[in-house]
């Protein structure tokens, strides 16, 4: 698990906090890169949206496990561990 998190935006929308962050994954963890609410400046995360941003991978944010999961588009297989996955943009809502 090697990544850096940069908060691009933090604000309030309705009764939830909204955070947009750039996650630069330099060494992908097999079965998903764990992102903690604390590194996003939150106590908890209710939902999230993700964009692969830098590379042509398929990205999914697993809210229950708090993981960024990346897949190879033409095969549907998960990205191999230790791969430099580049940057993803993550937008989450929580408290």
C-alpha atoms as a PDB file:
ATOM      1  CA  UNK A   1       0.000   0.000   0.000  1.00  0.00           C
ATOM      2  CA  UNK A   2       1.904   2.969  -1.263  1.00  0.00           C
ATOM      3  CA  UNK A   3      -0.077   6.063  -2.109  1.00  0.00           C
ATOM      4  CA  UNK A   4      -0.262   9.747  -1.335  1.00  0.00           C
ATOM      5  CA  UNK A   5      -3.476  11.677  -0.814  1.00  0.00           C
ATOM      6  CA  UNK A   6      -3.886  15.318  -1.745  1.00  0.00           C
ATOM      7  CA  UNK A   7      -7.116  17.072  -0.753  1.00  0.00           C
ATOM      8  CA  UNK A   8      -8.287  19.228  -3.674  1.00  0.00           C
ATOM      9  CA  UNK A   9     -11.576  20.415  -2.159  1.00  0.00           C
ATOM     10  CA  UNK A  10     -13.352  20.129   1.177  1.00  0.00           C
ATOM     11  CA  UNK A  11     -16.740  21.644   1.901  1.00  0.00           C
ATOM     12  CA  UNK A  12     -20.295  21.044   3.028  1.00  0.00           C
ATOM     13  CA  UNK A  13     -23.167  19.953   0.831  1.00  0.00           C
ATOM     14  CA  UNK A  14     -26.501  19.701   2.620  1.00  0.00           C
ATOM     15  CA  UNK A  15     -25.851  17.921   5.903  1.00  0.00           C
ATOM     16  CA  UNK A  16     -22.739  16.062   4.658  1.00  0.00           C
ATOM     17  CA  UNK A  17     -19.130  16.998   4.190  1.00  0.00           C
ATOM     18  CA  UNK A  18     -17.810  16.551   0.672  1.00  0.00           C
ATOM     19  CA  UNK A  19     -14.146  15.934  -0.071  1.00  0.00           C
ATOM     20  CA  UNK A  20     -12.452  15.636  -3.449  1.00  0.00           C
ATOM     21  CA  UNK A  21      -8.981  14.130  -3.324  1.00  0.00           C
ATOM     22  CA  UNK A  22      -6.257  13.059  -5.720  1.00  0.00           C
ATOM     23  CA  UNK A  23      -4.850   9.647  -4.796  1.00  0.00           C
ATOM     24  CA  UNK A  24      -1.474   8.885  -6.405  1.00  0.00           C
ATOM     25  CA  UNK A  25      -0.981   5.108  -6.198  1.00  0.00           C
ATOM     26  CA  UNK A  26       2.686   4.317  -6.768  1.00  0.00           C
ATOM     27  CA  UNK A  27       2.475   0.651  -5.721  1.00  0.00           C
ATOM     28  CA  UNK A  28      -1.015  -0.852  -6.000  1.00  0.00           C
ATOM     29  CA  UNK A  29      -2.072  -3.341  -3.326  1.00  0.00           C
ATOM     30  CA  UNK A  30      -3.589  -6.566  -4.684  1.00  0.00           C
ATOM     31  CA  UNK A  31      -7.329  -6.649  -3.828  1.00  0.00           C
ATOM     32  CA  UNK A  32      -7.549  -2.892  -3.443  1.00  0.00           C
ATOM     33  CA  UNK A  33      -5.835   0.170  -2.074  1.00  0.00           C
ATOM     34  CA  UNK A  34      -7.188   1.059   1.394  1.00  0.00           C
ATOM     35  CA  UNK A  35      -8.125   4.718   1.876  1.00  0.00           C
ATOM     36  CA  UNK A  36      -8.978   5.760   5.438  1.00  0.00           C
ATOM     37  CA  UNK A  37     -11.596   8.384   6.298  1.00  0.00           C
ATOM     38  CA  UNK A  38      -8.940  10.147   8.422  1.00  0.00           C
ATOM     39  CA  UNK A  39      -6.658  10.767   5.426  1.00  0.00           C
ATOM     40  CA  UNK A  40      -9.640  12.465   3.782  1.00  0.00           C
ATOM     41  CA  UNK A  41     -10.237  14.602   6.872  1.00  0.00           C
ATOM     42  CA  UNK A  42     -13.418  12.727   7.817  1.00  0.00           C
ATOM     43  CA  UNK A  43     -14.606  10.497  10.655  1.00  0.00           C
ATOM     44  CA  UNK A  44     -16.697   8.321   8.315  1.00  0.00           C
ATOM     45  CA  UNK A  45     -17.531   7.947   4.623  1.00  0.00           C
ATOM     46  CA  UNK A  46     -21.062   7.235   3.398  1.00  0.00           C
ATOM     47  CA  UNK A  47     -20.526   7.139  -0.366  1.00  0.00           C
ATOM     48  CA  UNK A  48     -17.966   7.901  -3.019  1.00  0.00           C
ATOM     49  CA  UNK A  49     -17.359   8.451  -6.716  1.00  0.00           C
ATOM     50  CA  UNK A  50     -14.113   7.666  -8.488  1.00  0.00           C
ATOM     51  CA  UNK A  51     -12.428   8.588 -11.777  1.00  0.00           C
ATOM     52  CA  UNK A  52      -9.229   6.846 -12.973  1.00  0.00           C
ATOM     53  CA  UNK A  53      -8.026  10.282 -14.178  1.00  0.00           C
ATOM     54  CA  UNK A  54      -4.465   9.436 -15.288  1.00  0.00           C
ATOM     55  CA  UNK A  55      -4.584   5.916 -16.768  1.00  0.00           C
ATOM     56  CA  UNK A  56      -7.137   3.993 -18.793  1.00  0.00           C
ATOM     57  CA  UNK A  57      -8.131   1.629 -15.996  1.00  0.00           C
ATOM     58  CA  UNK A  58     -11.607   0.831 -14.785  1.00  0.00           C
ATOM     59  CA  UNK A  59     -11.933   2.145 -11.230  1.00  0.00           C
ATOM     60  CA  UNK A  60     -14.384   1.239  -8.483  1.00  0.00           C
ATOM     61  CA  UNK A  61     -14.655   2.609  -4.961  1.00  0.00           C
ATOM     62  CA  UNK A  62     -15.757  -0.007  -2.419  1.00  0.00           C
ATOM     63  CA  UNK A  63     -17.336   2.069   0.377  1.00  0.00           C
ATOM     64  CA  UNK A  64     -17.824  -0.914   2.724  1.00  0.00           C
ATOM     65  CA  UNK A  65     -14.134  -1.863   2.649  1.00  0.00           C
ATOM     66  CA  UNK A  66     -12.875   1.702   1.972  1.00  0.00           C
ATOM     67  CA  UNK A  67     -10.816   0.475  -0.980  1.00  0.00           C
ATOM     68  CA  UNK A  68      -9.967   1.826  -4.405  1.00  0.00           C
ATOM     69  CA  UNK A  69     -10.093  -1.137  -6.786  1.00  0.00           C
ATOM     70  CA  UNK A  70      -8.598  -0.928 -10.281  1.00  0.00           C
ATOM     71  CA  UNK A  71      -9.156  -3.249 -13.234  1.00  0.00           C
ATOM     72  CA  UNK A  72      -7.581  -3.753 -16.665  1.00  0.00           C
ATOM     73  CA  UNK A  73     -10.252  -2.611 -19.152  1.00  0.00           C
ATOM     74  CA  UNK A  74      -9.821  -5.206 -21.913  1.00  0.00           C
ATOM     75  CA  UNK A  75      -9.620  -8.240 -19.579  1.00  0.00           C
ATOM     76  CA  UNK A  76     -11.601  -7.206 -16.497  1.00  0.00           C
ATOM     77  CA  UNK A  77      -8.885  -8.587 -14.228  1.00  0.00           C
ATOM     78  CA  UNK A  78      -7.763  -6.633 -11.218  1.00  0.00           C
ATOM     79  CA  UNK A  79      -4.521  -4.707 -11.544  1.00  0.00           C
ATOM     80  CA  UNK A  80      -1.497  -6.649 -10.313  1.00  0.00           C
ATOM     81  CA  UNK A  81       0.005  -5.810  -6.940  1.00  0.00           C
ATOM     82  CA  UNK A  82       2.979  -3.402  -6.882  1.00  0.00           C
ATOM     83  CA  UNK A  83       1.871  -1.793 -10.188  1.00  0.00           C
ATOM     84  CA  UNK A  84       2.262   1.989 -10.445  1.00  0.00           C
ATOM     85  CA  UNK A  85      -1.419   2.764 -11.005  1.00  0.00           C
ATOM     86  CA  UNK A  86      -1.057   6.526 -11.373  1.00  0.00           C
ATOM     87  CA  UNK A  87      -3.600   9.021 -10.090  1.00  0.00           C
ATOM     88  CA  UNK A  88      -7.298   8.605  -9.388  1.00  0.00           C
ATOM     89  CA  UNK A  89      -9.745  11.303  -8.352  1.00  0.00           C
ATOM     90  CA  UNK A  90     -11.998  10.361  -5.449  1.00  0.00           C
ATOM     91  CA  UNK A  91     -15.003  12.353  -4.275  1.00  0.00           C
ATOM     92  CA  UNK A  92     -16.598  11.222  -1.011  1.00  0.00           C
ATOM     93  CA  UNK A  93     -19.485  12.277   1.195  1.00  0.00           C
ATOM     94  CA  UNK A  94     -19.470  11.690   4.926  1.00  0.00           C
ATOM     95  CA  UNK A  95     -18.990  13.226   8.337  1.00  0.00           C
END
